[in-house]
Structures are given as structure tokens and as C-alpha cells.
C-alpha atoms as a PDB file:
ATOM      1  CA  MET A   1     -40.877 -22.387  -6.505  1.00  0.00           C
ATOM      2  CA  ALA A   2     -38.703 -21.071  -8.883  1.00  0.00           C
ATOM      3  CA  PHE A   3     -34.821 -20.057  -8.435  1.00  0.00           C
ATOM      4  CA  ASP A   4     -34.824 -16.794  -8.560  1.00  0.00           C
ATOM      5  CA  ASP A   5     -30.989 -15.756 -10.238  1.00  0.00           C
ATOM      6  CA  ARG A   6     -31.059 -12.241  -9.873  1.00  0.00           C
ATOM      7  CA  GLN A   7     -30.490 -12.896  -5.867  1.00  0.00           C
ATOM      8  CA  PRO A   8     -26.713 -12.369  -4.647  1.00  0.00           C
ATOM      9  CA  ARG A   9     -24.820 -15.520  -4.403  1.00  0.00           C
ATOM     10  CA  THR A  10     -23.648 -16.500  -0.479  1.00  0.00           C
ATOM     11  CA  LEU A  11     -21.026 -18.038   0.105  1.00  0.00           C
ATOM     12  CA  THR A  12     -19.836 -20.390   3.277  1.00  0.00           C
ATOM     13  CA  LEU A  13     -16.181 -19.427   4.384  1.00  0.00           C
ATOM     14  CA  LYS A  14     -13.101 -20.772   6.662  1.00  0.00           C
ATOM     15  CA  LEU A  15     -11.222 -17.602   7.466  1.00  0.00           C
ATOM     16  CA  LEU A  16      -7.678 -18.542   8.643  1.00  0.00           C
ATOM     17  CA  ILE A  17      -7.451 -14.125  10.314  1.00  0.00           C
ATOM     18  CA  TRP A  18      -4.173 -13.843  11.832  1.00  0.00           C
ATOM     19  CA  ARG A  19      -5.046 -12.272  15.768  1.00  0.00           C
ATOM     20  CA  GLN A  20      -2.033 -10.648  17.862  1.00  0.00           C
ATOM     21  CA  ALA A  21      -3.562  -8.391  21.484  1.00  0.00           C
ATOM     22  CA  GLY A  22      -0.499  -6.278  20.884  1.00  0.00           C
ATOM     23  CA  PRO A  23       3.271  -5.467  19.772  1.00  0.00           C
ATOM     24  CA  ALA A  24       4.963  -7.556  22.005  1.00  0.00           C
ATOM     25  CA  ALA A  25       2.572  -9.967  22.458  1.00  0.00           C
ATOM     26  CA  ARG A  26       2.536 -14.009  20.602  1.00  0.00           C
ATOM     27  CA  GLY A  27       0.613 -13.768  17.526  1.00  0.00           C
ATOM     28  CA  ASP A  28      -0.961 -16.935  15.468  1.00  0.00           C
ATOM     29  CA  MET A  29      -3.505 -17.696  13.139  1.00  0.00           C
ATOM     30  CA  VAL A  30      -7.312 -18.794  14.637  1.00  0.00           C
ATOM     31  CA  GLU A  31     -10.155 -19.619  12.470  1.00  0.00           C
ATOM     32  CA  TYR A  32     -13.636 -18.494  11.870  1.00  0.00           C
ATOM     33  CA  ARG A  33     -16.072 -19.262   9.684  1.00  0.00           C
ATOM     34  CA  ALA A  34     -17.805 -17.178   7.615  1.00  0.00           C
ATOM     35  CA  GLU A  35     -21.463 -17.878   6.629  1.00  0.00           C
ATOM     36  CA  GLY A  36     -24.111 -16.233   5.157  1.00  0.00           C
ATOM     37  CA  ILE A  37     -21.092 -13.801   2.748  1.00  0.00           C
ATOM     38  CA  SER A  38     -22.822 -12.241  -0.023  1.00  0.00           C
ATOM     39  CA  ALA A  39     -20.836 -12.507  -3.343  1.00  0.00           C
ATOM     40  CA  ASP A  40     -21.404  -8.322  -4.307  1.00  0.00           C
ATOM     41  CA  MET A  41     -20.715  -8.075  -0.386  1.00  0.00           C
ATOM     42  CA  SER A  42     -16.550  -6.521  -0.411  1.00  0.00           C
ATOM     43  CA  PHE A  43     -13.395  -7.915   1.730  1.00  0.00           C
ATOM     44  CA  LEU A  44     -14.337  -5.414   4.294  1.00  0.00           C
ATOM     45  CA  GLU A  45     -17.931  -6.110   4.557  1.00  0.00           C
ATOM     46  CA  MET A  46     -17.016  -9.253   4.859  1.00  0.00           C
ATOM     47  CA  LEU A  47     -14.823  -8.621   7.684  1.00  0.00           C
ATOM     48  CA  ASP A  48     -17.465  -6.032   9.366  1.00  0.00           C
ATOM     49  CA  VAL A  49     -20.029  -9.452   8.550  1.00  0.00           C
ATOM     50  CA  VAL A  50     -17.218 -11.539  10.896  1.00  0.00           C
ATOM     51  CA  ASN A  51     -16.770  -9.077  13.494  1.00  0.00           C
ATOM     52  CA  GLU A  52     -20.582  -8.414  14.425  1.00  0.00           C
ATOM     53  CA  GLY A  53     -20.507 -12.085  15.248  1.00  0.00           C
ATOM     54  CA  LEU A  54     -17.879 -12.007  17.322  1.00  0.00           C
ATOM     55  CA  ILE A  55     -19.689  -8.791  18.866  1.00  0.00           C
ATOM     56  CA  HIS A  56     -22.637 -10.529  19.389  1.00  0.00           C
ATOM     57  CA  ARG A  57     -21.146 -12.922  21.172  1.00  0.00           C
ATOM     58  CA  GLY A  58     -18.770 -11.528  23.625  1.00  0.00           C
ATOM     59  CA  GLU A  59     -15.754 -12.081  21.786  1.00  0.00           C
ATOM     60  CA  GLU A  60     -12.846  -9.134  20.932  1.00  0.00           C
ATOM     61  CA  PRO A  61     -13.789  -8.318  17.302  1.00  0.00           C
ATOM     62  CA  ILE A  62     -10.440  -8.574  15.034  1.00  0.00           C
ATOM     63  CA  ALA A  63      -8.758  -4.851  14.568  1.00  0.00           C
ATOM     64  CA  PHE A  64      -7.904  -3.700  10.207  1.00  0.00           C
ATOM     65  CA  ASP A  65      -7.217  -0.792   9.453  1.00  0.00           C
ATOM     66  CA  SER A  66     -10.031   1.292   6.944  1.00  0.00           C
ATOM     67  CA  ASP A  67     -10.422   4.705   5.672  1.00  0.00           C
ATOM     68  CA  CYS A  68     -11.241   5.894   2.273  1.00  0.00           C
ATOM     69  CA  ARG A  69     -12.973   2.106   1.182  1.00  0.00           C
ATOM     70  CA  GLU A  70     -12.418   3.138  -2.479  1.00  0.00           C
ATOM     71  CA  GLY A  71      -8.919   2.223  -3.587  1.00  0.00           C
ATOM     72  CA  ILE A  72      -7.810   6.166  -2.545  1.00  0.00           C
ATOM     73  CA  CYS A  73      -6.481   5.679   0.683  1.00  0.00           C
ATOM     74  CA  GLY A  74      -3.986   2.927   1.421  1.00  0.00           C
ATOM     75  CA  SER A  75      -4.912   2.298   4.669  1.00  0.00           C
ATOM     76  CA  CYS A  76      -6.671  -1.740   3.555  1.00  0.00           C
ATOM     77  CA  GLY A  77      -3.527  -3.082   4.036  1.00  0.00           C
ATOM     78  CA  LEU A  78      -4.143  -7.195   3.858  1.00  0.00           C
ATOM     79  CA  MET A  79      -2.069 -10.050   2.905  1.00  0.00           C
ATOM     80  CA  ILE A  80      -4.453 -12.230   1.307  1.00  0.00           C
ATOM     81  CA  ASN A  81      -3.658 -15.610   1.015  1.00  0.00           C
ATOM     82  CA  GLY A  82      -0.373 -15.106   0.529  1.00  0.00           C
ATOM     83  CA  ARG A  83      -0.921 -11.849  -1.947  1.00  0.00           C
ATOM     84  CA  ALA A  84      -1.155  -7.838  -0.833  1.00  0.00           C
ATOM     85  CA  HIS A  85      -4.221  -7.029  -1.569  1.00  0.00           C
ATOM     86  CA  GLY A  86      -5.791 -10.052  -2.344  1.00  0.00           C
ATOM     87  CA  PRO A  87      -6.358 -12.297  -6.232  1.00  0.00           C
ATOM     88  CA  LEU A  88      -6.687  -9.147  -8.206  1.00  0.00           C
ATOM     89  CA  GLY A  89      -4.821  -7.122 -10.130  1.00  0.00           C
ATOM     90  CA  ALA A  90      -4.761  -3.435  -9.882  1.00  0.00           C
ATOM     91  CA  THR A  91      -7.001  -3.909  -6.300  1.00  0.00           C
ATOM     92  CA  THR A  92      -7.140  -2.877  -3.258  1.00  0.00           C
ATOM     93  CA  ALA A  93      -8.734  -4.927  -0.331  1.00  0.00           C
ATOM     94  CA  CYS A  94     -10.983  -2.311   0.244  1.00  0.00           C
ATOM     95  CA  GLN A  95     -11.759  -2.826  -3.808  1.00  0.00           C
ATOM     96  CA  LEU A  96     -12.396  -6.658  -3.760  1.00  0.00           C
ATOM     97  CA  HIS A  97     -15.052  -8.083  -3.431  1.00  0.00           C
ATOM     98  CA  MET A  98     -16.436 -11.660  -2.155  1.00  0.00           C
ATOM     99  CA  ARG A  99     -16.943 -12.819  -5.888  1.00  0.00           C
ATOM    100  CA  SER A 100     -13.866 -13.420  -6.328  1.00  0.00           C
ATOM    101  CA  PHE A 101     -13.903 -16.587  -3.550  1.00  0.00           C
ATOM    102  CA  SER A 102     -15.692 -19.664  -4.568  1.00  0.00           C
ATOM    103  CA  ASP A 103     -18.093 -20.987  -1.274  1.00  0.00           C
ATOM    104  CA  GLY A 104     -16.212 -23.017   0.298  1.00  0.00           C
ATOM    105  CA  ASP A 105     -13.172 -21.462   0.261  1.00  0.00           C
ATOM    106  CA  THR A 106     -10.794 -21.476   2.858  1.00  0.00           C
ATOM    107  CA  ILE A 107      -8.894 -17.906   3.014  1.00  0.00           C
ATOM    108  CA  ALA A 108      -5.577 -17.237   5.001  1.00  0.00           C
ATOM    109  CA  ILE A 109      -5.356 -13.042   6.505  1.00  0.00           C
ATOM    110  CA  GLU A 110      -2.539 -11.322   7.335  1.00  0.00           C
ATOM    111  CA  PRO A 111      -1.225  -8.478   8.042  1.00  0.00           C
ATOM    112  CA  TRP A 112       1.939  -6.774   6.260  1.00  0.00           C
ATOM    113  CA  ARG A 113       5.192  -8.447   7.113  1.00  0.00           C
ATOM    114  CA  ALA A 114       8.048  -6.426   7.839  1.00  0.00           C
ATOM    115  CA  ARG A 115      10.947  -5.088  10.616  1.00  0.00           C
ATOM    116  CA  ALA A 116       9.803  -1.755   9.730  1.00  0.00           C
ATOM    117  CA  PHE A 117       6.333  -2.378   9.959  1.00  0.00           C
ATOM    118  CA  PRO A 118       5.639  -3.121  13.457  1.00  0.00           C
ATOM    119  CA  VAL A 119       2.268  -5.155  13.961  1.00  0.00           C
ATOM    120  CA  ILE A 120       0.490  -2.699  16.440  1.00  0.00           C
ATOM    121  CA  LYS A 121      -3.092  -5.220  16.925  1.00  0.00           C
ATOM    122  CA  ASP A 122      -4.051  -8.328  14.810  1.00  0.00           C
ATOM    123  CA  LEU A 123      -4.209  -6.722  11.080  1.00  0.00           C
ATOM    124  CA  VAL A 124      -3.348  -3.482  11.574  1.00  0.00           C
ATOM    125  CA  VAL A 125       0.830  -2.577  11.264  1.00  0.00           C
ATOM    126  CA  ASP A 126       2.447   0.869  11.831  1.00  0.00           C
ATOM    127  CA  ARG A 127       3.928   1.991   8.240  1.00  0.00           C
ATOM    128  CA  SER A 128       4.315   5.764  10.089  1.00  0.00           C
ATOM    129  CA  ALA A 129       8.117   4.305   7.945  1.00  0.00           C
ATOM    130  CA  PHE A 130       6.327   5.629   5.141  1.00  0.00           C
ATOM    131  CA  ASP A 131       5.022   9.203   7.337  1.00  0.00           C
ATOM    132  CA  ARG A 132       9.175   9.579   7.836  1.00  0.00           C
ATOM    133  CA  ILE A 133      10.636   9.006   4.279  1.00  0.00           C
ATOM    134  CA  ILE A 134       8.207  12.048   2.963  1.00  0.00           C
ATOM    135  CA  ALA A 135       9.555  14.641   6.168  1.00  0.00           C
ATOM    136  CA  ALA A 136      12.450  13.917   4.931  1.00  0.00           C
ATOM    137  CA  GLY A 137      12.849  15.261   1.075  1.00  0.00           C
ATOM    138  CA  GLY A 138       8.897  15.312  -0.626  1.00  0.00           C
ATOM    139  CA  TYR A 139       7.952  18.144  -0.372  1.00  0.00           C
ATOM    140  CA  THR A 140       9.057  21.575  -2.801  1.00  0.00           C
ATOM    141  CA  SER A 141       9.555  24.908  -2.157  1.00  0.00           C
ATOM    142  CA  ILE A 142       7.843  27.150  -3.789  1.00  0.00           C
ATOM    143  CA  ASN A 143       7.473  31.214  -3.381  1.00  0.00           C
ATOM    144  CA  ALA A 144       4.832  31.928  -2.572  1.00  0.00           C
ATOM    145  CA  GLY A 145       2.496  35.119  -4.999  1.00  0.00           C
ATOM    146  CA  GLY A 146      -0.098  35.053  -7.364  1.00  0.00           C
ATOM    147  CA  ALA A 147      -0.481  32.414  -9.578  1.00  0.00           C
ATOM    148  CA  GLN A 148       1.569  32.080 -13.139  1.00  0.00           C
ATOM    149  CA  ASP A 149       0.490  31.716 -16.127  1.00  0.00           C
ATOM    150  CA  ALA A 150      -0.792  27.715 -17.128  1.00  0.00           C
ATOM    151  CA  ASN A 151       1.887  27.881 -19.683  1.00  0.00           C
ATOM    152  CA  ALA A 152       4.120  29.572 -18.292  1.00  0.00           C
ATOM    153  CA  ILE A 153       6.216  26.733 -17.702  1.00  0.00           C
ATOM    154  CA  LEU A 154       6.368  23.929 -20.842  1.00  0.00           C
ATOM    155  CA  ILE A 155       6.395  20.421 -19.664  1.00  0.00           C
ATOM    156  CA  SER A 156       5.800  17.717 -21.899  1.00  0.00           C
ATOM    157  CA  LYS A 157       3.135  15.931 -22.312  1.00  0.00           C
ATOM    158  CA  ASP A 158       5.084  12.470 -21.827  1.00  0.00           C
ATOM    159  CA  THR A 159       6.599  14.057 -18.630  1.00  0.00           C
ATOM    160  CA  SER A 160       3.646  15.398 -17.172  1.00  0.00           C
ATOM    161  CA  GLU A 161       1.951  11.443 -17.198  1.00  0.00           C
ATOM    162  CA  ALA A 162       4.879  10.017 -16.075  1.00  0.00           C
ATOM    163  CA  ALA A 163       5.020  12.326 -12.899  1.00  0.00           C
ATOM    164  CA  MET A 164       0.901  11.643 -12.610  1.00  0.00           C
ATOM    165  CA  ASP A 165       1.028   8.225 -13.082  1.00  0.00           C
ATOM    166  CA  ALA A 166       4.167   8.752 -10.073  1.00  0.00           C
ATOM    167  CA  ALA A 167       2.717  10.085  -8.185  1.00  0.00           C
ATOM    168  CA  ALA A 168      -0.504   8.305  -8.241  1.00  0.00           C
ATOM    169  CA  CYS A 169       0.772   5.211  -4.867  1.00  0.00           C
ATOM    170  CA  ILE A 170      -1.096   6.066  -1.830  1.00  0.00           C
ATOM    171  CA  GLY A 171       1.417   4.459   0.029  1.00  0.00           C
ATOM    172  CA  CYS A 172      -0.386   1.546   1.403  1.00  0.00           C
ATOM    173  CA  GLY A 173       2.481  -0.992   1.564  1.00  0.00           C
ATOM    174  CA  ALA A 174       1.960  -3.840  -0.978  1.00  0.00           C
ATOM    175  CA  CYS A 175       5.580  -3.190  -2.217  1.00  0.00           C
ATOM    176  CA  VAL A 176       6.550  -3.844   1.472  1.00  0.00           C
ATOM    177  CA  ALA A 177       4.331  -6.667   2.285  1.00  0.00           C
ATOM    178  CA  GLN A 178       5.716  -8.596  -1.267  1.00  0.00           C
ATOM    179  CA  CYS A 179       9.101  -8.081  -1.809  1.00  0.00           C
ATOM    180  CA  LYS A 180      10.586 -10.885  -0.509  1.00  0.00           C
ATOM    181  CA  ASN A 181      12.907  -8.465   0.980  1.00  0.00           C
ATOM    182  CA  ALA A 182      10.810  -5.806   2.782  1.00  0.00           C
ATOM    183  CA  SER A 183      11.979  -2.985   0.379  1.00  0.00           C
ATOM    184  CA  ALA A 184       9.738   0.381   0.106  1.00  0.00           C
ATOM    185  CA  ALA A 185      12.052   1.814  -2.951  1.00  0.00           C
ATOM    186  CA  LEU A 186       8.856   1.496  -5.079  1.00  0.00           C
ATOM    187  CA  PHE A 187       7.505   3.554  -2.575  1.00  0.00           C
ATOM    188  CA  THR A 188      10.469   5.687  -2.090  1.00  0.00           C
ATOM    189  CA  SER A 189      11.121   5.845  -6.014  1.00  0.00           C
ATOM    190  CA  ALA A 190       7.468   6.868  -7.005  1.00  0.00           C
ATOM    191  CA  LYS A 191       7.573   9.795  -4.378  1.00  0.00           C
ATOM    192  CA  ILE A 192      11.103  10.355  -5.191  1.00  0.00           C
ATOM    193  CA  SER A 193       9.938  11.036  -9.352  1.00  0.00           C
ATOM    194  CA  GLN A 194       7.264  12.762  -8.279  1.00  0.00           C
ATOM    195  CA  LEU A 195       9.100  15.782  -8.112  1.00  0.00           C
ATOM    196  CA  ALA A 196      12.132  15.422  -9.957  1.00  0.00           C
ATOM    197  CA  LEU A 197      10.113  15.315 -13.241  1.00  0.00           C
ATOM    198  CA  LEU A 198       8.592  18.053 -12.620  1.00  0.00           C
ATOM    199  CA  PRO A 199      10.689  21.806 -12.455  1.00  0.00           C
ATOM    200  CA  GLN A 200       9.113  22.832  -9.456  1.00  0.00           C
ATOM    201  CA  GLY A 201      11.110  19.906  -7.760  1.00  0.00           C
ATOM    202  CA  HIS A 202      14.034  20.619  -8.825  1.00  0.00           C
ATOM    203  CA  VAL A 203      14.942  23.163  -6.402  1.00  0.00           C
ATOM    204  CA  GLU A 204      15.717  20.113  -3.886  1.00  0.00           C
ATOM    205  CA  ARG A 205      15.719  17.272  -6.126  1.00  0.00           C
ATOM    206  CA  ALA A 206      19.848  16.412  -4.429  1.00  0.00           C
ATOM    207  CA  ARG A 207      19.351  16.761  -1.508  1.00  0.00           C
ATOM    208  CA  ARG A 208      15.825  15.097  -1.710  1.00  0.00           C
ATOM    209  CA  ALA A 209      17.166  11.931  -3.122  1.00  0.00           C
ATOM    210  CA  LEU A 210      20.114  11.683  -0.242  1.00  0.00           C
ATOM    211  CA  ARG A 211      17.770  12.210   2.577  1.00  0.00           C
ATOM    212  CA  MET A 212      15.253  10.129   1.017  1.00  0.00           C
ATOM    213  CA  VAL A 213      17.021   7.192   0.104  1.00  0.00           C
ATOM    214  CA  GLY A 214      18.771   7.919   3.880  1.00  0.00           C
ATOM    215  CA  GLN A 215      15.723   7.665   5.137  1.00  0.00           C
ATOM    216  CA  MET A 216      14.159   4.259   4.003  1.00  0.00           C
ATOM    217  CA  ASP A 217      18.103   2.408   4.752  1.00  0.00           C
ATOM    218  CA  ALA A 218      17.499   4.454   8.113  1.00  0.00           C
ATOM    219  CA  GLU A 219      14.228   2.293   8.659  1.00  0.00           C
ATOM    220  CA  GLY A 220      15.245  -0.678   8.349  1.00  0.00           C
ATOM    221  CA  PHE A 221      13.646  -1.297   4.956  1.00  0.00           C
ATOM    222  CA  GLY A 222      15.293  -4.298   2.965  1.00  0.00           C
ATOM    223  CA  SER A 223      17.191  -3.786  -0.588  1.00  0.00           C
ATOM    224  CA  CYS A 224      15.879  -4.328  -3.836  1.00  0.00           C
ATOM    225  CA  SER A 225      16.526  -7.230  -5.778  1.00  0.00           C
ATOM    226  CA  TRP A 226      15.073  -6.085  -8.471  1.00  0.00           C
ATOM    227  CA  GLU A 227      12.446  -9.176  -9.311  1.00  0.00           C
ATOM    228  CA  GLY A 228       9.238  -6.976  -9.767  1.00  0.00           C
ATOM    229  CA  GLN A 229       6.716  -8.951  -6.870  1.00  0.00           C
ATOM    230  CA  CYS A 230       6.244  -5.015  -5.929  1.00  0.00           C
ATOM    231  CA  GLU A 231       4.836  -3.350  -9.484  1.00  0.00           C
ATOM    232  CA  ALA A 232       3.153  -6.538  -9.525  1.00  0.00           C
ATOM    233  CA  VAL A 233       1.200  -6.180  -6.247  1.00  0.00           C
ATOM    234  CA  CYS A 234       0.778  -2.081  -6.323  1.00  0.00           C
ATOM    235  CA  PRO A 235      -2.233  -1.464  -6.796  1.00  0.00           C
ATOM    236  CA  LYS A 236      -1.728   1.748  -8.511  1.00  0.00           C
ATOM    237  CA  GLU A 237       0.237  -0.068 -10.771  1.00  0.00           C
ATOM    238  CA  ILE A 238       3.591   2.421 -10.230  1.00  0.00           C
ATOM    239  CA  LYS A 239       5.966   0.435 -12.504  1.00  0.00           C
ATOM    240  CA  ILE A 240       9.451  -0.303 -10.772  1.00  0.00           C
ATOM    241  CA  LEU A 241      10.593   1.973 -14.062  1.00  0.00           C
ATOM    242  CA  ASN A 242      10.559   4.720 -11.059  1.00  0.00           C
ATOM    243  CA  ILE A 243      13.291   2.834  -8.993  1.00  0.00           C
ATOM    244  CA  SER A 244      15.965   3.215 -11.949  1.00  0.00           C
ATOM    245  CA  ARG A 245      14.949   6.771 -12.010  1.00  0.00           C
ATOM    246  CA  MET A 246      15.841   7.215  -8.016  1.00  0.00           C
ATOM    247  CA  VAL A 247      19.198   5.074  -8.668  1.00  0.00           C
ATOM    248  CA  ARG A 248      20.645   7.782 -10.689  1.00  0.00           C
ATOM    249  CA  GLU A 249      18.849  10.850  -8.818  1.00  0.00           C
ATOM    250  CA  PHE A 250      21.005   9.113  -6.537  1.00  0.00           C
ATOM    251  CA  ASN A 251      24.056   7.815  -7.963  1.00  0.00           C
ATOM    252  CA  ARG A 252      23.880  12.050  -9.318  1.00  0.00           C
ATOM    253  CA  ALA A 253      23.941  13.826  -6.177  1.00  0.00           C
ATOM    254  CA  ALA A 254      25.989  12.060  -4.213  1.00  0.00           C
ATOM    255  CA  VAL A 255      28.911  12.686  -6.850  1.00  0.00           C
ATOM    256  CA  ALA A 256      28.203  15.770  -7.209  1.00  0.00           C
ATOM    257  CA  GLY A 257      28.210  15.680  -3.616  1.00  0.00           C
ATOM    258  CA  GLU A 258      25.759  17.069  -2.242  1.00  0.00           C
ATOM    259  CA  ARG A 259      24.510  18.144   1.106  1.00  0.00           C
ATOM    260  CA  THR A 260      21.699  16.458   3.220  1.00  0.00           C
END
């Protein structure tokens, strides 16, 4: 029979996956063999297939986070062969396809590694520290009422684009996982920047910087050492320029004697 190159390529893979029954349990890397994996599958679909096999054999499936599977929600945080979200840039784990790997490859899959992201089970970590950073100051106070005219507040194109670029952060935690210090500076600075750049965010501007940076430190994240690994793995390509802005915002508020 002639070979049909329209048929999807299939892979056989050796998977080394972190298994941990709970937060207090001892974890370990466990080897699995994944066979008949279509190159057109996403990385999470490959894990679904592995889990189906485990369930069929009466074994405990691998716990991992997912939601939208469209690169929007930030849930699918995985370390894949030592890189957050895998080998491709500007890509979440759910957007990564198995065509990025070769037949016979060994793939190591681990959870985010950070004191502030404790492991819940297997590949699932608790990222509620990010929620507490947002709650500390990631909001604006705006009087309710009729909507203003679209041109009532003039904002330059460069400023609006910079704010939107910062707002693209999905809070996945890749920046923390890849940083040797487990710093959350890129995440926190993106949230501070998106509001500090726009007039609507100026009411709490000083308090926001103090509170969010203070909460970031209280959660146990490390300090930024400006090596840029966070930017390199960010699926939304958030720039470390935002960290510079966060430092300026914090210092301005501190010098002015603003209270939290």
C-alpha cells in the first residue's frame, strides 16, 4: 500500500512526570510511555490521552490545570524540559503542539517551582498569591454615571498601546517559574503599569505601587536580578521595561511619603 503523507504523524514518547499526592506528600518523577500520539495534538491533549490510559488500567490520572485551552486563561502552567510552557516562544502549554517534538523524545514535565506556588497535587500549584497581589491594589475608583464621550480624555496612541501590552498578562506564572529567584516582578509590574499609564488609574497610583509590591514581598516571591528569563518565556511577551516602571512608581510613592 502506498504511503499517504496526508495521514498525521504519530509519536512514541518517554514521559517523566512529577507525581505528588498532596502538598505534604513526597513527590517523585515517574516514567510513562505515550504511544500513538498524533503530531497534531496539543500538549494537553497528549496528557489527556495518557490519562485515559491510566484510568483504563485503574491507575490514578495525572492532575494538571487547564481551562480555556486557547492561550487566554493562563491555567496551563507546566515546566516542559526545563522551560516554562515548553520550547516555543509566545506560546502557552495548551497552544504547544506535539509536532514540536520528535519520535522517541524524552519529555520531562514538572509543576511551577516556587515557594509562593505550593504544589497541590502532581502538576497543579496554588497560584492564589497572584490573586492577593491583585486584590492589594489592582483596581481603580471611578465615579459611576453616564459614560463619557470617547474623546473626553485624550490619551496618546503610544501610551494606550503600552497600557494594552501590559494588560495582556494572563497571570500564568511562567515568569516566576523560570526566574532563578522565583520573582513575580514581571507579573506585578504589568498589573501596575496597565493602570499607572492611564488617567483612570491615577487616583490610587501611589498606594497601588506600595500595596502591590508590599504584597508581592509578603507572599515570599524573590527579588528581580534583571536577567530577562521572565520576558523570554512569557507567552504574551510582556516586557521587563514594566519592571523599571514599577520601581519608579514605588520609589515615587515612597519618597512622597504616601501611606498604604
